[in-house]
N, C-alpha and C. Protein backbone atom coordinates (compact mmCIF):
# COMPACT_ATOMS: atom_id res chain seq x y z
N MET A 1 -7.18 10.80 -16.81
CA MET A 1 -7.80 11.44 -17.43
C MET A 1 -7.46 13.51 -17.49
N ASN A 2 -6.92 13.81 -18.52
CA ASN A 2 -6.83 15.14 -18.33
C ASN A 2 -8.07 16.25 -18.26
N ARG A 3 -7.67 16.77 -16.78
CA ARG A 3 -9.30 17.61 -17.59
C ARG A 3 -8.80 19.20 -16.85
N SER A 4 -9.32 19.92 -17.42
CA SER A 4 -8.91 21.53 -17.38
C SER A 4 -9.02 22.02 -15.76
N VAL A 5 -8.49 22.40 -14.94
CA VAL A 5 -8.91 22.61 -13.42
C VAL A 5 -9.69 23.81 -13.55
N GLY A 6 -9.62 24.70 -14.46
CA GLY A 6 -10.29 25.77 -14.17
C GLY A 6 -11.55 25.87 -14.66
N LEU A 7 -11.86 25.10 -15.71
CA LEU A 7 -13.06 24.64 -16.48
C LEU A 7 -13.86 23.82 -15.43
N CYS A 8 -12.81 22.78 -14.74
CA CYS A 8 -13.99 21.71 -13.50
C CYS A 8 -14.63 23.12 -12.59
N ILE A 9 -13.77 23.92 -11.85
CA ILE A 9 -13.79 24.70 -11.05
C ILE A 9 -14.84 25.93 -11.20
N LEU A 10 -14.87 26.18 -13.18
CA LEU A 10 -16.34 27.07 -13.60
C LEU A 10 -17.24 26.02 -13.58
N PHE A 11 -17.47 24.78 -13.80
CA PHE A 11 -18.25 24.41 -13.71
C PHE A 11 -19.28 23.76 -12.14
N THR A 12 -18.04 23.45 -11.61
CA THR A 12 -18.63 23.68 -9.96
C THR A 12 -19.29 24.82 -9.50
N ILE A 13 -18.98 26.06 -10.02
CA ILE A 13 -19.81 27.24 -9.45
C ILE A 13 -21.03 27.22 -10.27
N LEU A 14 -21.11 27.06 -11.63
CA LEU A 14 -22.15 27.07 -12.78
C LEU A 14 -22.91 26.20 -12.25
N THR A 15 -22.81 25.29 -11.61
CA THR A 15 -23.95 24.46 -11.46
C THR A 15 -24.18 24.02 -9.70
N CYS A 16 -24.00 25.62 -8.99
CA CYS A 16 -23.99 25.29 -7.72
C CYS A 16 -23.43 24.27 -7.33
N GLY A 17 -22.27 23.87 -7.30
CA GLY A 17 -22.02 22.63 -6.74
C GLY A 17 -22.02 21.37 -7.14
N LEU A 18 -23.06 20.99 -7.97
CA LEU A 18 -23.22 19.34 -8.60
C LEU A 18 -22.15 18.94 -9.18
N TYR A 19 -21.54 19.82 -10.57
CA TYR A 19 -20.33 19.40 -10.56
C TYR A 19 -19.27 19.00 -9.70
N GLY A 20 -19.10 19.78 -8.65
CA GLY A 20 -18.31 19.37 -7.37
C GLY A 20 -18.45 17.90 -7.31
N ILE A 21 -19.40 17.16 -7.09
CA ILE A 21 -19.83 15.65 -6.49
C ILE A 21 -19.03 15.10 -7.27
N TYR A 22 -19.89 15.27 -8.58
CA TYR A 22 -18.97 14.43 -9.25
C TYR A 22 -18.08 14.00 -9.66
N TRP A 23 -17.17 15.73 -9.87
CA TRP A 23 -15.64 15.86 -9.52
C TRP A 23 -15.56 15.05 -8.76
N PHE A 24 -15.73 15.66 -7.15
CA PHE A 24 -15.49 14.45 -5.98
C PHE A 24 -15.28 13.20 -6.57
N TYR A 25 -16.24 12.31 -7.24
CA TYR A 25 -16.25 10.77 -7.24
C TYR A 25 -15.42 10.37 -8.06
N ILE A 26 -15.00 11.21 -9.19
CA ILE A 26 -14.06 11.20 -10.27
C ILE A 26 -12.70 10.98 -9.65
N LEU A 27 -12.50 11.58 -9.41
CA LEU A 27 -10.93 12.02 -8.67
C LEU A 27 -10.64 11.02 -7.96
N THR A 28 -11.86 10.68 -6.75
CA THR A 28 -11.31 9.23 -5.81
C THR A 28 -10.82 8.02 -6.39
N LYS A 29 -12.10 8.09 -7.97
CA LYS A 29 -12.02 6.88 -8.40
C LYS A 29 -10.16 6.92 -9.54
N GLU A 30 -10.05 8.04 -9.93
CA GLU A 30 -8.98 8.03 -10.66
C GLU A 30 -7.47 7.87 -10.04
N VAL A 31 -7.29 8.49 -8.59
CA VAL A 31 -6.59 8.23 -7.74
C VAL A 31 -6.19 6.90 -7.40
N SER A 32 -7.50 5.99 -7.18
CA SER A 32 -7.72 5.13 -6.63
C SER A 32 -6.88 3.47 -7.92
N ASP A 33 -7.12 4.04 -9.06
CA ASP A 33 -6.91 3.44 -9.85
C ASP A 33 -5.07 3.77 -10.11
N LEU A 34 -5.04 4.75 -10.01
CA LEU A 34 -3.11 5.21 -10.47
C LEU A 34 -2.76 4.68 -9.39
N SER A 35 -2.95 4.59 -7.87
CA SER A 35 -2.28 4.11 -6.53
C SER A 35 -2.57 2.62 -6.45
N ASN A 36 -3.01 2.01 -7.12
CA ASN A 36 -3.58 0.57 -6.83
C ASN A 36 -4.07 0.61 -5.14
N ASP A 37 -4.73 1.30 -4.95
CA ASP A 37 -5.27 1.56 -3.32
C ASP A 37 -6.55 1.58 -3.74
N PHE A 38 -7.34 0.88 -3.36
CA PHE A 38 -8.70 0.84 -3.52
C PHE A 38 -9.67 0.86 -2.14
N SER A 39 -9.06 1.68 -1.11
CA SER A 39 -9.40 1.84 0.22
C SER A 39 -10.32 2.46 0.17
N LEU A 40 -10.50 3.53 -0.65
CA LEU A 40 -11.39 4.83 -0.64
C LEU A 40 -12.62 4.33 -1.87
N SER A 41 -14.04 3.94 -1.37
CA SER A 41 -14.65 3.93 -2.79
C SER A 41 -15.47 4.83 -3.10
N PRO A 42 -15.01 5.18 -4.28
CA PRO A 42 -16.17 6.69 -4.70
C PRO A 42 -17.51 6.58 -4.54
N GLY A 43 -17.81 5.88 -4.65
CA GLY A 43 -19.52 5.75 -3.97
C GLY A 43 -19.81 5.85 -2.53
N LEU A 44 -18.95 5.38 -1.51
CA LEU A 44 -19.16 4.69 -0.57
C LEU A 44 -18.49 6.70 0.48
N THR A 45 -17.70 6.86 -0.41
CA THR A 45 -16.98 8.60 -0.03
C THR A 45 -18.07 9.29 0.01
N ILE A 46 -18.83 9.28 -1.06
CA ILE A 46 -19.65 10.44 -1.07
C ILE A 46 -20.49 9.72 0.00
N LEU A 47 -21.10 8.62 0.03
CA LEU A 47 -22.27 8.62 1.14
C LEU A 47 -21.65 8.93 2.32
N PHE A 48 -20.55 8.69 3.19
CA PHE A 48 -20.34 8.94 4.23
C PHE A 48 -19.71 10.49 4.44
N THR A 49 -19.59 10.96 3.62
CA THR A 49 -19.52 12.58 3.36
C THR A 49 -20.98 13.22 3.70
N ILE A 50 -22.09 12.46 2.79
CA ILE A 50 -23.03 12.78 3.38
C ILE A 50 -23.79 12.88 5.12
N LEU A 51 -23.36 11.43 5.02
CA LEU A 51 -24.02 11.13 6.31
C LEU A 51 -23.16 11.52 7.40
N THR A 52 -22.18 11.95 7.16
CA THR A 52 -21.35 12.81 7.98
C THR A 52 -21.23 14.47 7.94
N CYS A 53 -21.94 14.82 7.27
CA CYS A 53 -22.16 16.24 6.94
C CYS A 53 -20.92 16.70 6.65
N GLY A 54 -19.69 16.31 6.12
CA GLY A 54 -19.00 16.80 5.22
C GLY A 54 -17.69 16.36 6.17
N LEU A 55 -17.39 16.04 7.52
CA LEU A 55 -16.73 15.74 8.40
C LEU A 55 -15.57 14.75 7.42
N TYR A 56 -16.26 13.64 6.77
CA TYR A 56 -15.54 12.22 6.25
C TYR A 56 -14.41 13.06 5.10
N THR A 57 -14.75 14.08 4.62
CA THR A 57 -14.15 14.94 3.48
C THR A 57 -12.64 15.08 4.26
N ILE A 58 -12.29 15.32 5.64
CA ILE A 58 -11.17 15.83 6.13
C ILE A 58 -10.22 14.34 6.16
N TYR A 59 -10.89 13.39 6.51
CA TYR A 59 -10.29 11.85 6.24
C TYR A 59 -9.54 11.58 5.20
N TRP A 60 -10.77 11.82 3.54
CA TRP A 60 -10.29 11.39 2.34
C TRP A 60 -9.31 12.35 1.77
N SER A 61 -9.68 13.70 2.44
CA SER A 61 -8.50 14.63 1.83
C SER A 61 -6.85 14.00 2.72
N TYR A 62 -7.03 13.81 3.53
CA TYR A 62 -5.38 13.11 4.39
C TYR A 62 -5.09 11.77 3.39
N LYS A 63 -5.75 10.58 2.67
CA LYS A 63 -5.81 9.52 2.83
C LYS A 63 -5.55 9.88 1.21
N MET A 64 -5.91 11.37 0.42
CA MET A 64 -5.89 11.39 -0.99
C MET A 64 -4.63 12.16 -1.50
N GLY A 65 -4.30 12.68 0.02
CA GLY A 65 -2.51 13.07 -0.23
C GLY A 65 -1.65 12.11 -0.30
N LYS A 66 -1.84 10.87 0.62
CA LYS A 66 -1.17 9.69 0.60
C LYS A 66 -1.05 9.31 -0.79
N ASN A 67 -2.43 9.27 -1.43
CA ASN A 67 -2.18 7.77 -2.78
C ASN A 67 -1.96 8.68 -3.79
N VAL A 68 -1.98 9.99 -3.82
CA VAL A 68 -1.36 10.81 -4.80
C VAL A 68 -0.25 10.73 -4.74
N GLU A 69 0.97 10.68 -3.76
CA GLU A 69 1.75 10.23 -3.66
C GLU A 69 2.27 8.86 -3.90
N ILE A 70 1.61 7.95 -3.73
CA ILE A 70 1.76 6.90 -4.21
C ILE A 70 2.02 6.64 -5.93
N ALA A 71 0.63 6.85 -6.36
CA ALA A 71 0.55 7.57 -7.75
C ALA A 71 1.79 7.93 -8.22
N GLN A 72 2.35 8.89 -7.96
CA GLN A 72 3.55 9.77 -8.58
C GLN A 72 4.68 8.78 -8.88
N GLN A 73 5.00 8.04 -7.13
CA GLN A 73 5.86 6.85 -7.60
C GLN A 73 6.23 6.05 -8.16
N ILE A 74 4.77 5.35 -8.68
CA ILE A 74 4.69 4.44 -9.60
C ILE A 74 5.13 5.13 -10.73
N ALA A 75 4.58 6.14 -11.05
CA ALA A 75 4.71 7.21 -12.38
C ALA A 75 5.81 7.53 -12.31
N ASN A 76 6.80 7.13 -11.69
CA ASN A 76 8.43 7.54 -11.70
C ASN A 76 7.95 9.00 -12.10
N ILE A 77 7.53 10.02 -11.31
CA ILE A 77 8.00 11.33 -11.43
C ILE A 77 8.17 11.96 -9.85
N ASN A 78 8.35 13.19 -9.71
CA ASN A 78 8.57 13.62 -8.25
C ASN A 78 7.63 13.64 -7.50
N SER A 79 7.60 12.88 -6.44
CA SER A 79 6.59 12.68 -5.08
C SER A 79 6.46 14.02 -4.28
N ASN A 80 5.33 14.02 -4.32
CA ASN A 80 5.34 15.17 -2.51
C ASN A 80 4.13 14.65 -1.82
N ASP A 81 4.10 14.35 -0.48
CA ASP A 81 2.96 14.38 0.41
C ASP A 81 2.30 15.61 0.76
N ASP A 82 1.40 15.77 0.02
CA ASP A 82 0.66 17.03 -0.13
C ASP A 82 -0.36 16.42 1.38
N SER A 83 -0.65 14.95 2.13
CA SER A 83 -1.63 15.06 2.65
C SER A 83 -1.96 16.10 3.76
N MET A 84 -1.20 17.28 4.62
CA MET A 84 -1.29 17.57 5.18
C MET A 84 -2.43 18.99 4.52
N LEU A 85 -1.46 19.47 3.72
CA LEU A 85 -1.87 20.63 2.76
C LEU A 85 -3.49 20.32 2.45
N TYR A 86 -3.47 19.17 1.80
CA TYR A 86 -5.38 19.00 1.76
C TYR A 86 -5.37 18.94 3.04
N LEU A 87 -5.38 18.40 4.23
CA LEU A 87 -5.94 17.97 5.23
C LEU A 87 -6.32 19.94 5.23
N LEU A 88 -5.36 20.67 5.55
CA LEU A 88 -5.55 21.59 5.91
C LEU A 88 -6.64 22.55 5.21
N LEU A 89 -6.72 22.69 3.49
CA LEU A 89 -7.16 23.69 3.16
C LEU A 89 -8.55 22.94 3.15
N THR A 90 -8.76 21.21 3.27
CA THR A 90 -9.93 21.55 3.84
C THR A 90 -10.81 21.70 5.32
N LEU A 91 -10.05 21.70 6.21
CA LEU A 91 -10.73 22.19 7.16
C LEU A 91 -10.85 23.68 7.47
N PHE A 92 -10.14 24.51 6.56
CA PHE A 92 -10.42 25.97 6.40
C PHE A 92 -11.74 26.49 5.64
N GLY A 93 -12.38 25.12 4.77
CA GLY A 93 -13.48 25.37 3.92
C GLY A 93 -13.16 25.12 2.65
N LEU A 94 -11.63 25.20 2.37
CA LEU A 94 -11.33 25.59 0.61
C LEU A 94 -11.28 24.23 0.15
N SER A 95 -12.02 23.00 0.39
CA SER A 95 -12.05 22.38 -0.57
C SER A 95 -11.79 21.99 -2.32
N ILE A 96 -12.28 22.93 -3.08
CA ILE A 96 -12.32 23.01 -3.92
C ILE A 96 -11.17 23.39 -4.40
N ILE A 97 -9.84 23.90 -3.56
CA ILE A 97 -8.47 24.18 -4.25
C ILE A 97 -7.87 22.47 -3.92
N THR A 98 -8.45 21.82 -2.71
CA THR A 98 -8.05 20.46 -3.07
C THR A 98 -8.01 19.93 -4.17
N PHE A 99 -9.21 20.04 -4.65
CA PHE A 99 -9.52 19.52 -5.42
C PHE A 99 -9.15 19.39 -6.85
N ALA A 100 -8.60 20.99 -7.03
CA ALA A 100 -8.11 21.60 -8.17
C ALA A 100 -6.27 21.04 -8.26
N ILE A 101 -5.77 20.94 -6.97
CA ILE A 101 -4.48 20.21 -6.81
C ILE A 101 -4.16 18.90 -6.85
N ILE A 102 -5.05 18.14 -6.50
CA ILE A 102 -5.21 17.01 -6.93
C ILE A 102 -5.54 16.64 -8.23
N GLN A 103 -5.86 17.37 -8.59
CA GLN A 103 -6.25 16.94 -10.41
C GLN A 103 -5.54 17.42 -11.10
N SER A 104 -4.73 18.43 -10.94
CA SER A 104 -3.55 19.09 -11.43
C SER A 104 -2.38 17.64 -11.37
N ASN A 105 -2.29 17.28 -9.86
CA ASN A 105 -1.30 16.38 -10.02
C ASN A 105 -1.67 15.38 -10.77
N ILE A 106 -3.14 14.50 -10.80
CA ILE A 106 -3.76 13.48 -11.94
C ILE A 106 -3.22 13.84 -13.18
N ASN A 107 -3.31 14.76 -13.50
CA ASN A 107 -3.00 15.26 -15.28
C ASN A 107 -1.29 15.33 -15.04
N LYS A 108 -0.59 15.53 -14.11
CA LYS A 108 0.88 15.26 -14.43
C LYS A 108 1.01 13.62 -14.33
N ILE A 109 0.51 13.21 -13.82
CA ILE A 109 0.69 11.57 -13.84
C ILE A 109 0.40 10.96 -15.15
N VAL A 110 -1.05 11.21 -15.65
CA VAL A 110 -1.46 10.80 -16.73
C VAL A 110 -0.37 11.34 -17.64
N SER A 111 -0.02 12.25 -18.03
CA SER A 111 1.09 12.76 -18.49
C SER A 111 2.51 12.14 -19.13
N ALA A 112 2.79 11.68 -17.69
CA ALA A 112 3.82 11.26 -17.34
C ALA A 112 3.42 8.74 -17.75
N ASN A 113 2.64 9.06 -18.20
CA ASN A 113 2.04 7.41 -18.17
C ASN A 113 2.11 7.33 -19.44
N THR A 114 1.42 8.78 -20.07
CA THR A 114 1.29 8.91 -21.38
C THR A 114 2.23 8.89 -22.34
N ALA A 115 3.34 9.37 -21.98
CA ALA A 115 4.62 9.80 -22.50
C ALA A 115 5.48 8.36 -22.45
N ILE A 116 5.43 7.69 -21.66
CA ILE A 116 6.15 6.06 -21.38
C ILE A 116 5.64 5.25 -22.02
N HIS A 117 4.55 5.12 -22.60
CA HIS A 117 3.86 4.30 -23.67
C HIS A 117 4.00 4.93 -24.94
N VAL A 118 4.13 5.93 -25.22
CA VAL A 118 4.11 6.58 -26.68
C VAL A 118 5.59 5.70 -27.22
């Protein structure tokens, strides 16, 4: 589903991060659906992130980069392996930027899939 990256960031800030948890869940679910790789369960991802005090997001970021690349290949659009970028952003505490880039890539994939089916 296409979402406005700017609004997602704004809602995350306005809700003191609560929308960010929802966004985290949705990103995981949508990328899993688009890449046909269900190794990252959205609910378990949130649980593991809480249990590890956020350390699990390091693995999540890397894995999401790989899955976004697979989803781009499936959609026949220019694919990029941004897994190291996501990993570094997360390591430096910039997960919201990782979320924004992933959402932007999801928007492109969904637009490409919509154009094919029209």
